[in-house]
Amino acid sequence: MNDAELDALFAQAREETEADRGSAERFLARHRANLAATADHSLPAAGFTPRPAHRTLWPLLLAAALGAGLLARPLWPVGQLPSSAAYDTYQATWGEGW
């Protein structure tokens, strides 16, 4: 694409169409209804989407994971673990304290 084609494409994208106006009107009507519903503490307006479950469950899942980790702590090995082959290679090549 050259500059003239891009300019024409951007100009076309900036033009408001009938579908854009209808979409904006639907959004604003639903938004205003939701604002009015929350202002008088009544039930949410039609079209209102409740908060997804994954946004409300993450603190519970995080607490469960931490609890499981703490309960599994006595099962962890005690003392030093054997060194890996890579560590042994570095130590053999560079000497102690590489």
PDB file of N, CA and C in Angstrom:
ATOM      1  N   MET A   1       0.834  -1.190   0.000  1.00  0.00           N
ATOM      2  CA  MET A   1       0.000   0.000   0.000  1.00  0.00           C
ATOM      3  C   MET A   1       0.874   1.246   0.000  1.00  0.00           C
ATOM      4  N   ASN A   2       0.443   2.223  -0.730  1.00  0.00           N
ATOM      5  CA  ASN A   2       1.176   3.479  -0.731  1.00  0.00           C
ATOM      6  C   ASN A   2       0.470   4.486   0.186  1.00  0.00           C
ATOM      7  N   ASP A   3       1.037   5.660   0.308  1.00  0.00           N
ATOM      8  CA  ASP A   3       0.495   6.674   1.227  1.00  0.00           C
ATOM      9  C   ASP A   3      -0.913   7.119   0.853  1.00  0.00           C
ATOM     10  N   ALA A   4      -1.176   7.256  -0.430  1.00  0.00           N
ATOM     11  CA  ALA A   4      -2.502   7.709  -0.869  1.00  0.00           C
ATOM     12  C   ALA A   4      -3.574   6.670  -0.527  1.00  0.00           C
ATOM     13  N   GLU A   5      -3.251   5.392  -0.735  1.00  0.00           N
ATOM     14  CA  GLU A   5      -4.216   4.339  -0.401  1.00  0.00           C
ATOM     15  C   GLU A   5      -4.466   4.280   1.107  1.00  0.00           C
ATOM     16  N   LEU A   6      -3.390   4.453   1.887  1.00  0.00           N
ATOM     17  CA  LEU A   6      -3.553   4.460   3.342  1.00  0.00           C
ATOM     18  C   LEU A   6      -4.391   5.642   3.802  1.00  0.00           C
ATOM     19  N   ASP A   7      -4.129   6.811   3.220  1.00  0.00           N
ATOM     20  CA  ASP A   7      -4.916   7.989   3.584  1.00  0.00           C
ATOM     21  C   ASP A   7      -6.395   7.776   3.265  1.00  0.00           C
ATOM     22  N   ALA A   8      -6.689   7.180   2.119  1.00  0.00           N
ATOM     23  CA  ALA A   8      -8.083   6.922   1.742  1.00  0.00           C
ATOM     24  C   ALA A   8      -8.710   5.911   2.697  1.00  0.00           C
ATOM     25  N   LEU A   9      -7.949   4.892   3.076  1.00  0.00           N
ATOM     26  CA  LEU A   9      -8.458   3.888   4.000  1.00  0.00           C
ATOM     27  C   LEU A   9      -8.764   4.506   5.367  1.00  0.00           C
ATOM     28  N   PHE A  10      -7.861   5.349   5.869  1.00  0.00           N
ATOM     29  CA  PHE A  10      -8.091   5.999   7.163  1.00  0.00           C
ATOM     30  C   PHE A  10      -9.262   6.970   7.101  1.00  0.00           C
ATOM     31  N   ALA A  11      -9.407   7.682   5.989  1.00  0.00           N
ATOM     32  CA  ALA A  11     -10.539   8.604   5.836  1.00  0.00           C
ATOM     33  C   ALA A  11     -11.850   7.827   5.830  1.00  0.00           C
ATOM     34  N   GLN A  12     -11.857   6.677   5.174  1.00  0.00           N
ATOM     35  CA  GLN A  12     -13.063   5.849   5.141  1.00  0.00           C
ATOM     36  C   GLN A  12     -13.374   5.310   6.534  1.00  0.00           C
ATOM     37  N   ALA A  13     -12.347   4.939   7.284  1.00  0.00           N
ATOM     38  CA  ALA A  13     -12.565   4.405   8.632  1.00  0.00           C
ATOM     39  C   ALA A  13     -13.086   5.481   9.578  1.00  0.00           C
ATOM     40  N   ARG A  14     -12.729   6.743   9.345  1.00  0.00           N
ATOM     41  CA  ARG A  14     -13.177   7.827  10.219  1.00  0.00           C
ATOM     42  C   ARG A  14     -14.603   8.257   9.939  1.00  0.00           C
ATOM     43  N   GLU A  15     -15.142   7.911   8.778  1.00  0.00           N
ATOM     44  CA  GLU A  15     -16.504   8.319   8.432  1.00  0.00           C
ATOM     45  C   GLU A  15     -17.503   7.546   9.280  1.00  0.00           C
ATOM     46  N   GLU A  16     -18.412   8.283   9.912  1.00  0.00           N
ATOM     47  CA  GLU A  16     -19.436   7.648  10.742  1.00  0.00           C
ATOM     48  C   GLU A  16     -20.552   7.119   9.848  1.00  0.00           C
ATOM     49  N   THR A  17     -20.932   5.880  10.113  1.00  0.00           N
ATOM     50  CA  THR A  17     -21.995   5.266   9.322  1.00  0.00           C
ATOM     51  C   THR A  17     -23.254   5.132  10.169  1.00  0.00           C
ATOM     52  N   GLU A  18     -24.313   4.698   9.532  1.00  0.00           N
ATOM     53  CA  GLU A  18     -25.576   4.485  10.237  1.00  0.00           C
ATOM     54  C   GLU A  18     -25.417   3.378  11.279  1.00  0.00           C
ATOM     55  N   ALA A  19     -24.630   2.343  10.957  1.00  0.00           N
ATOM     56  CA  ALA A  19     -24.384   1.250  11.911  1.00  0.00           C
ATOM     57  C   ALA A  19     -23.639   1.761  13.136  1.00  0.00           C
ATOM     58  N   ASP A  20     -22.696   2.691  12.933  1.00  0.00           N
ATOM     59  CA  ASP A  20     -21.962   3.271  14.065  1.00  0.00           C
ATOM     60  C   ASP A  20     -22.899   4.040  14.990  1.00  0.00           C
ATOM     61  N   ARG A  21     -23.770   4.835  14.389  1.00  0.00           N
ATOM     62  CA  ARG A  21     -24.705   5.611  15.200  1.00  0.00           C
ATOM     63  C   ARG A  21     -25.644   4.692  15.982  1.00  0.00           C
ATOM     64  N   GLY A  22     -26.143   3.640  15.331  1.00  0.00           N
ATOM     65  CA  GLY A  22     -27.030   2.703  16.014  1.00  0.00           C
ATOM     66  C   GLY A  22     -26.326   1.980  17.151  1.00  0.00           C
ATOM     67  N   SER A  23     -25.095   1.594  16.912  1.00  0.00           N
ATOM     68  CA  SER A  23     -24.319   0.919  17.950  1.00  0.00           C
ATOM     69  C   SER A  23     -24.068   1.848  19.123  1.00  0.00           C
ATOM     70  N   ALA A  24     -23.731   3.078  18.833  1.00  0.00           N
ATOM     71  CA  ALA A  24     -23.490   4.049  19.907  1.00  0.00           C
ATOM     72  C   ALA A  24     -24.763   4.303  20.709  1.00  0.00           C
ATOM     73  N   GLU A  25     -25.884   4.406  20.028  1.00  0.00           N
ATOM     74  CA  GLU A  25     -27.153   4.630  20.736  1.00  0.00           C
ATOM     75  C   GLU A  25     -27.503   3.451  21.634  1.00  0.00           C
ATOM     76  N   ARG A  26     -27.295   2.226  21.140  1.00  0.00           N
ATOM     77  CA  ARG A  26     -27.574   1.040  21.964  1.00  0.00           C
ATOM     78  C   ARG A  26     -26.654   0.992  23.180  1.00  0.00           C
ATOM     79  N   PHE A  27     -25.382   1.287  22.969  1.00  0.00           N
ATOM     80  CA  PHE A  27     -24.440   1.279  24.084  1.00  0.00           C
ATOM     81  C   PHE A  27     -24.817   2.327  25.128  1.00  0.00           C
ATOM     82  N   LEU A  28     -25.100   3.533  24.677  1.00  0.00           N
ATOM     83  CA  LEU A  28     -25.425   4.603  25.618  1.00  0.00           C
ATOM     84  C   LEU A  28     -26.720   4.313  26.368  1.00  0.00           C
ATOM     85  N   ALA A  29     -27.703   3.748  25.689  1.00  0.00           N
ATOM     86  CA  ALA A  29     -28.958   3.413  26.368  1.00  0.00           C
ATOM     87  C   ALA A  29     -28.713   2.371  27.461  1.00  0.00           C
ATOM     88  N   ARG A  30     -27.920   1.332  27.149  1.00  0.00           N
ATOM     89  CA  ARG A  30     -27.627   0.306  28.144  1.00  0.00           C
ATOM     90  C   ARG A  30     -26.774   0.872  29.277  1.00  0.00           C
ATOM     91  N   HIS A  31     -25.825   1.718  28.932  1.00  0.00           N
ATOM     92  CA  HIS A  31     -24.958   2.329  29.947  1.00  0.00           C
ATOM     93  C   HIS A  31     -25.765   3.222  30.886  1.00  0.00           C
ATOM     94  N   ARG A  32     -26.627   4.030  30.331  1.00  0.00           N
ATOM     95  CA  ARG A  32     -27.457   4.909  31.169  1.00  0.00           C
ATOM     96  C   ARG A  32     -28.406   4.099  32.047  1.00  0.00           C
ATOM     97  N   ALA A  33     -28.961   3.018  31.506  1.00  0.00           N
ATOM     98  CA  ALA A  33     -29.842   2.157  32.302  1.00  0.00           C
ATOM     99  C   ALA A  33     -29.070   1.503  33.451  1.00  0.00           C
ATOM    100  N   ASN A  34     -27.844   1.079  33.187  1.00  0.00           N
ATOM    101  CA  ASN A  34     -27.021   0.499  34.254  1.00  0.00           C
ATOM    102  C   ASN A  34     -26.685   1.536  35.318  1.00  0.00           C
ATOM    103  N   LEU A  35     -26.395   2.762  34.894  1.00  0.00           N
ATOM    104  CA  LEU A  35     -26.098   3.819  35.866  1.00  0.00           C
ATOM    105  C   LEU A  35     -27.322   4.124  36.720  1.00  0.00           C
ATOM    106  N   ALA A  36     -28.472   4.180  36.078  1.00  0.00           N
ATOM    107  CA  ALA A  36     -29.701   4.456  36.824  1.00  0.00           C
ATOM    108  C   ALA A  36     -30.015   3.310  37.782  1.00  0.00           C
ATOM    109  N   ALA A  37     -29.765   2.079  37.356  1.00  0.00           N
ATOM    110  CA  ALA A  37     -30.046   0.926  38.208  1.00  0.00           C
ATOM    111  C   ALA A  37     -29.128   0.899  39.428  1.00  0.00           C
ATOM    112  N   THR A  38     -27.872   1.254  39.255  1.00  0.00           N
ATOM    113  CA  THR A  38     -26.948   1.241  40.391  1.00  0.00           C
ATOM    114  C   THR A  38     -27.170   2.457  41.281  1.00  0.00           C
ATOM    115  N   ALA A  39     -27.689   3.539  40.705  1.00  0.00           N
ATOM    116  CA  ALA A  39     -27.911   4.738  41.512  1.00  0.00           C
ATOM    117  C   ALA A  39     -29.040   4.530  42.507  1.00  0.00           C
ATOM    118  N   ASP A  40     -30.110   3.800  42.107  1.00  0.00           N
ATOM    119  CA  ASP A  40     -31.214   3.594  43.040  1.00  0.00           C
ATOM    120  C   ASP A  40     -31.148   2.208  43.691  1.00  0.00           C
ATOM    121  N   HIS A  41     -30.013   1.536  43.546  1.00  0.00           N
ATOM    122  CA  HIS A  41     -29.753   0.240  44.200  1.00  0.00           C
ATOM    123  C   HIS A  41     -30.800  -0.815  43.871  1.00  0.00           C
ATOM    124  N   SER A  42     -31.317  -0.746  42.668  1.00  0.00           N
ATOM    125  CA  SER A  42     -32.263  -1.776  42.237  1.00  0.00           C
ATOM    126  C   SER A  42     -31.498  -2.837  41.455  1.00  0.00           C
ATOM    127  N   LEU A  43     -32.228  -3.759  40.879  1.00  0.00           N
ATOM    128  CA  LEU A  43     -31.591  -4.801  40.088  1.00  0.00           C
ATOM    129  C   LEU A  43     -30.964  -4.194  38.849  1.00  0.00           C
ATOM    130  N   PRO A  44     -29.900  -4.788  38.348  1.00  0.00           N
ATOM    131  CA  PRO A  44     -29.256  -4.245  37.151  1.00  0.00           C
ATOM    132  C   PRO A  44     -30.176  -4.309  35.939  1.00  0.00           C
ATOM    133  N   ALA A  45     -29.924  -3.424  35.013  1.00  0.00           N
ATOM    134  CA  ALA A  45     -30.750  -3.344  33.809  1.00  0.00           C
ATOM    135  C   ALA A  45     -30.497  -4.541  32.908  1.00  0.00           C
ATOM    136  N   ALA A  46     -31.416  -4.751  31.986  1.00  0.00           N
ATOM    137  CA  ALA A  46     -31.260  -5.843  31.022  1.00  0.00           C
ATOM    138  C   ALA A  46     -29.992  -5.603  30.217  1.00  0.00           C
ATOM    139  N   GLY A  47     -29.293  -6.661  29.934  1.00  0.00           N
ATOM    140  CA  GLY A  47     -28.045  -6.536  29.203  1.00  0.00           C
ATOM    141  C   GLY A  47     -26.846  -6.401  30.114  1.00  0.00           C
ATOM    142  N   PHE A  48     -27.063  -6.279  31.403  1.00  0.00           N
ATOM    143  CA  PHE A  48     -25.963  -6.168  32.353  1.00  0.00           C
ATOM    144  C   PHE A  48     -25.297  -7.526  32.501  1.00  0.00           C
ATOM    145  N   THR A  49     -24.003  -7.549  32.407  1.00  0.00           N
ATOM    146  CA  THR A  49     -23.264  -8.798  32.522  1.00  0.00           C
ATOM    147  C   THR A  49     -22.616  -8.867  33.889  1.00  0.00           C
ATOM    148  N   PRO A  50     -22.880  -9.916  34.674  1.00  0.00           N
ATOM    149  CA  PRO A  50     -22.243 -10.022  35.981  1.00  0.00           C
ATOM    150  C   PRO A  50     -20.748 -10.251  35.837  1.00  0.00           C
ATOM    151  N   ARG A  51     -20.043 -10.005  36.915  1.00  0.00           N
ATOM    152  CA  ARG A  51     -18.602 -10.166  36.928  1.00  0.00           C
ATOM    153  C   ARG A  51     -18.245 -11.631  36.659  1.00  0.00           C
ATOM    154  N   PRO A  52     -17.271 -11.893  35.773  1.00  0.00           N
ATOM    155  CA  PRO A  52     -16.906 -13.286  35.478  1.00  0.00           C
ATOM    156  C   PRO A  52     -16.395 -14.008  36.723  1.00  0.00           C
ATOM    157  N   ALA A  53     -16.659 -15.305  36.781  1.00  0.00           N
ATOM    158  CA  ALA A  53     -16.296 -16.100  37.956  1.00  0.00           C
ATOM    159  C   ALA A  53     -14.795 -16.119  38.177  1.00  0.00           C
ATOM    160  N   HIS A  54     -13.983 -16.088  37.110  1.00  0.00           N
ATOM    161  CA  HIS A  54     -12.542 -16.161  37.301  1.00  0.00           C
ATOM    162  C   HIS A  54     -11.988 -14.922  38.002  1.00  0.00           C
ATOM    163  N   ARG A  55     -12.728 -13.820  37.986  1.00  0.00           N
ATOM    164  CA  ARG A  55     -12.263 -12.628  38.689  1.00  0.00           C
ATOM    165  C   ARG A  55     -12.626 -12.655  40.167  1.00  0.00           C
ATOM    166  N   THR A  56     -13.597 -13.457  40.534  1.00  0.00           N
ATOM    167  CA  THR A  56     -13.983 -13.511  41.944  1.00  0.00           C
ATOM    168  C   THR A  56     -13.383 -14.707  42.654  1.00  0.00           C
ATOM    169  N   LEU A  57     -12.930 -15.702  41.902  1.00  0.00           N
ATOM    170  CA  LEU A  57     -12.412 -16.915  42.521  1.00  0.00           C
ATOM    171  C   LEU A  57     -10.903 -16.906  42.740  1.00  0.00           C
ATOM    172  N   TRP A  58     -10.171 -15.988  42.123  1.00  0.00           N
ATOM    173  CA  TRP A  58      -8.720 -16.069  42.220  1.00  0.00           C
ATOM    174  C   TRP A  58      -8.206 -15.915  43.648  1.00  0.00           C
ATOM    175  N   PRO A  59      -8.793 -15.087  44.528  1.00  0.00           N
ATOM    176  CA  PRO A  59      -8.265 -15.044  45.901  1.00  0.00           C
ATOM    177  C   PRO A  59      -8.452 -16.376  46.628  1.00  0.00           C
ATOM    178  N   LEU A  60      -9.582 -17.026  46.387  1.00  0.00           N
ATOM    179  CA  LEU A  60      -9.827 -18.319  47.006  1.00  0.00           C
ATOM    180  C   LEU A  60      -8.847 -19.363  46.491  1.00  0.00           C
ATOM    181  N   LEU A  61      -8.613 -19.374  45.189  1.00  0.00           N
ATOM    182  CA  LEU A  61      -7.670 -20.334  44.614  1.00  0.00           C
ATOM    183  C   LEU A  61      -6.246 -20.070  45.086  1.00  0.00           C
ATOM    184  N   LEU A  62      -5.885 -18.807  45.221  1.00  0.00           N
ATOM    185  CA  LEU A  62      -4.552 -18.462  45.722  1.00  0.00           C
ATOM    186  C   LEU A  62      -4.384 -18.930  47.161  1.00  0.00           C
ATOM    187  N   ALA A  63      -5.387 -18.714  47.990  1.00  0.00           N
ATOM    188  CA  ALA A  63      -5.318 -19.167  49.382  1.00  0.00           C
ATOM    189  C   ALA A  63      -5.238 -20.684  49.457  1.00  0.00           C
ATOM    190  N   ALA A  64      -5.977 -21.382  48.600  1.00  0.00           N
ATOM    191  CA  ALA A  64      -5.925 -22.848  48.595  1.00  0.00           C
ATOM    192  C   ALA A  64      -4.551 -23.347  48.173  1.00  0.00           C
ATOM    193  N   ALA A  65      -3.943 -22.703  47.182  1.00  0.00           N
ATOM    194  CA  ALA A  65      -2.611 -23.113  46.733  1.00  0.00           C
ATOM    195  C   ALA A  65      -1.570 -22.874  47.826  1.00  0.00           C
ATOM    196  N   LEU A  66      -1.658 -21.738  48.496  1.00  0.00           N
ATOM    197  CA  LEU A  66      -0.722 -21.462  49.590  1.00  0.00           C
ATOM    198  C   LEU A  66      -0.910 -22.445  50.735  1.00  0.00           C
ATOM    199  N   GLY A  67      -2.155 -22.746  51.055  1.00  0.00           N
ATOM    200  CA  GLY A  67      -2.423 -23.711  52.117  1.00  0.00           C
ATOM    201  C   GLY A  67      -1.901 -25.089  51.768  1.00  0.00           C
ATOM    202  N   ALA A  68      -2.081 -25.507  50.532  1.00  0.00           N
ATOM    203  CA  ALA A  68      -1.574 -26.816  50.101  1.00  0.00           C
ATOM    204  C   ALA A  68      -0.052 -26.843  50.169  1.00  0.00           C
ATOM    205  N   GLY A  69       0.577 -25.743  49.803  1.00  0.00           N
ATOM    206  CA  GLY A  69       2.039 -25.680  49.880  1.00  0.00           C
ATOM    207  C   GLY A  69       2.539 -25.764  51.310  1.00  0.00           C
ATOM    208  N   LEU A  70       1.848 -25.101  52.217  1.00  0.00           N
ATOM    209  CA  LEU A  70       2.258 -25.153  53.624  1.00  0.00           C
ATOM    210  C   LEU A  70       2.009 -26.528  54.229  1.00  0.00           C
ATOM    211  N   LEU A  71       0.929 -27.183  53.831  1.00  0.00           N
ATOM    212  CA  LEU A  71       0.662 -28.519  54.347  1.00  0.00           C
ATOM    213  C   LEU A  71       1.652 -29.544  53.796  1.00  0.00           C
ATOM    214  N   ALA A  72       2.154 -29.302  52.585  1.00  0.00           N
ATOM    215  CA  ALA A  72       3.101 -30.234  51.988  1.00  0.00           C
ATOM    216  C   ALA A  72       4.532 -29.980  52.454  1.00  0.00           C
ATOM    217  N   ARG A  73       4.750 -28.919  53.194  1.00  0.00           N
ATOM    218  CA  ARG A  73       6.107 -28.564  53.656  1.00  0.00           C
ATOM    219  C   ARG A  73       6.784 -29.686  54.425  1.00  0.00           C
ATOM    220  N   PRO A  74       6.129 -30.415  55.320  1.00  0.00           N
ATOM    221  CA  PRO A  74       6.836 -31.490  56.022  1.00  0.00           C
ATOM    222  C   PRO A  74       7.289 -32.615  55.095  1.00  0.00           C
ATOM    223  N   LEU A  75       6.747 -32.700  53.906  1.00  0.00           N
ATOM    224  CA  LEU A  75       7.124 -33.758  52.983  1.00  0.00           C
ATOM    225  C   LEU A  75       8.359 -33.408  52.146  1.00  0.00           C
ATOM    226  N   TRP A  76       8.793 -32.136  52.194  1.00  0.00           N
ATOM    227  CA  TRP A  76       9.954 -31.735  51.423  1.00  0.00           C
ATOM    228  C   TRP A  76      11.195 -32.394  52.000  1.00  0.00           C
ATOM    229  N   PRO A  77      12.194 -32.686  51.153  1.00  0.00           N
ATOM    230  CA  PRO A  77      13.411 -33.331  51.653  1.00  0.00           C
ATOM    231  C   PRO A  77      14.189 -32.405  52.585  1.00  0.00           C
ATOM    232  N   VAL A  78      14.812 -33.008  53.544  1.00  0.00           N
ATOM    233  CA  VAL A  78      15.595 -32.256  54.519  1.00  0.00           C
ATOM    234  C   VAL A  78      17.066 -32.395  54.146  1.00  0.00           C
ATOM    235  N   GLY A  79      17.815 -31.347  54.346  1.00  0.00           N
ATOM    236  CA  GLY A  79      19.241 -31.397  54.061  1.00  0.00           C
ATOM    237  C   GLY A  79      19.532 -30.965  52.639  1.00  0.00           C
ATOM    238  N   GLN A  80      20.774 -31.199  52.235  1.00  0.00           N
ATOM    239  CA  GLN A  80      21.173 -30.783  50.899  1.00  0.00           C
ATOM    240  C   GLN A  80      20.752 -31.803  49.870  1.00  0.00           C
ATOM    241  N   LEU A  81      20.321 -31.280  48.733  1.00  0.00           N
ATOM    242  CA  LEU A  81      19.983 -32.144  47.613  1.00  0.00           C
ATOM    243  C   LEU A  81      21.263 -32.456  46.840  1.00  0.00           C
ATOM    244  N   PRO A  82      21.334 -33.564  46.144  1.00  0.00           N
ATOM    245  CA  PRO A  82      22.527 -33.868  45.361  1.00  0.00           C
ATOM    246  C   PRO A  82      22.715 -32.833  44.259  1.00  0.00           C
ATOM    247  N   SER A  83      23.964 -32.526  43.965  1.00  0.00           N
ATOM    248  CA  SER A  83      24.233 -31.516  42.942  1.00  0.00           C
ATOM    249  C   SER A  83      23.956 -32.085  41.562  1.00  0.00           C
ATOM    250  N   SER A  84      23.673 -31.205  40.648  1.00  0.00           N
ATOM    251  CA  SER A  84      23.337 -31.627  39.292  1.00  0.00           C
ATOM    252  C   SER A  84      24.609 -31.878  38.488  1.00  0.00           C
ATOM    253  N   ALA A  85      24.459 -32.481  37.345  1.00  0.00           N
ATOM    254  CA  ALA A  85      25.606 -32.753  36.476  1.00  0.00           C
ATOM    255  C   ALA A  85      26.217 -31.447  35.972  1.00  0.00           C
ATOM    256  N   ALA A  86      25.376 -30.435  35.709  1.00  0.00           N
ATOM    257  CA  ALA A  86      25.896 -29.149  35.245  1.00  0.00           C
ATOM    258  C   ALA A  86      26.748 -28.501  36.331  1.00  0.00           C
ATOM    259  N   TYR A  87      26.287 -28.561  37.570  1.00  0.00           N
ATOM    260  CA  TYR A  87      27.046 -27.991  38.679  1.00  0.00           C
ATOM    261  C   TYR A  87      28.381 -28.726  38.825  1.00  0.00           C
ATOM    262  N   ASP A  88      28.366 -30.043  38.723  1.00  0.00           N
ATOM    263  CA  ASP A  88      29.601 -30.825  38.824  1.00  0.00           C
ATOM    264  C   ASP A  88      30.573 -30.459  37.716  1.00  0.00           C
ATOM    265  N   THR A  89      30.057 -30.218  36.500  1.00  0.00           N
ATOM    266  CA  THR A  89      30.912 -29.841  35.375  1.00  0.00           C
ATOM    267  C   THR A  89      31.548 -28.479  35.609  1.00  0.00           C
ATOM    268  N   TYR A  90      30.739 -27.498  36.048  1.00  0.00           N
ATOM    269  CA  TYR A  90      31.302 -26.181  36.354  1.00  0.00           C
ATOM    270  C   TYR A  90      32.357 -26.278  37.443  1.00  0.00           C
ATOM    271  N   GLN A  91      32.072 -27.012  38.482  1.00  0.00           N
ATOM    272  CA  GLN A  91      33.001 -27.121  39.588  1.00  0.00           C
ATOM    273  C   GLN A  91      34.294 -27.794  39.146  1.00  0.00           C
ATOM    274  N   ALA A  92      34.190 -28.812  38.287  1.00  0.00           N
ATOM    275  CA  ALA A  92      35.386 -29.496  37.808  1.00  0.00           C
ATOM    276  C   ALA A  92      36.200 -28.594  36.886  1.00  0.00           C
ATOM    277  N   THR A  93      35.508 -27.757  36.095  1.00  0.00           N
ATOM    278  CA  THR A  93      36.196 -26.916  35.133  1.00  0.00           C
ATOM    279  C   THR A  93      36.799 -25.673  35.790  1.00  0.00           C
ATOM    280  N   TRP A  94      36.030 -24.990  36.618  1.00  0.00           N
ATOM    281  CA  TRP A  94      36.454 -23.700  37.153  1.00  0.00           C
ATOM    282  C   TRP A  94      37.007 -23.807  38.569  1.00  0.00           C
ATOM    283  N   GLY A  95      36.825 -24.901  39.219  1.00  0.00           N
ATOM    284  CA  GLY A  95      37.325 -25.054  40.575  1.00  0.00           C
ATOM    285  C   GLY A  95      36.274 -24.636  41.592  1.00  0.00           C
ATOM    286  N   GLU A  96      36.604 -24.763  42.816  1.00  0.00           N
ATOM    287  CA  GLU A  96      35.682 -24.441  43.910  1.00  0.00           C
ATOM    288  C   GLU A  96      35.361 -22.954  43.921  1.00  0.00           C
ATOM    289  N   GLY A  97      34.111 -22.603  44.105  1.00  0.00           N
ATOM    290  CA  GLY A  97      33.685 -21.197  44.214  1.00  0.00           C
ATOM    291  C   GLY A  97      33.634 -20.470  42.888  1.00  0.00           C
ATOM    292  N   TRP A  98      33.457 -21.133  41.787  1.00  0.00           N
ATOM    293  CA  TRP A  98      33.411 -20.500  40.463  1.00  0.00           C
ATOM    294  C   TRP A  98      32.389 -19.415  40.433  1.00  0.00           C
TER     295      TRP A  98
END
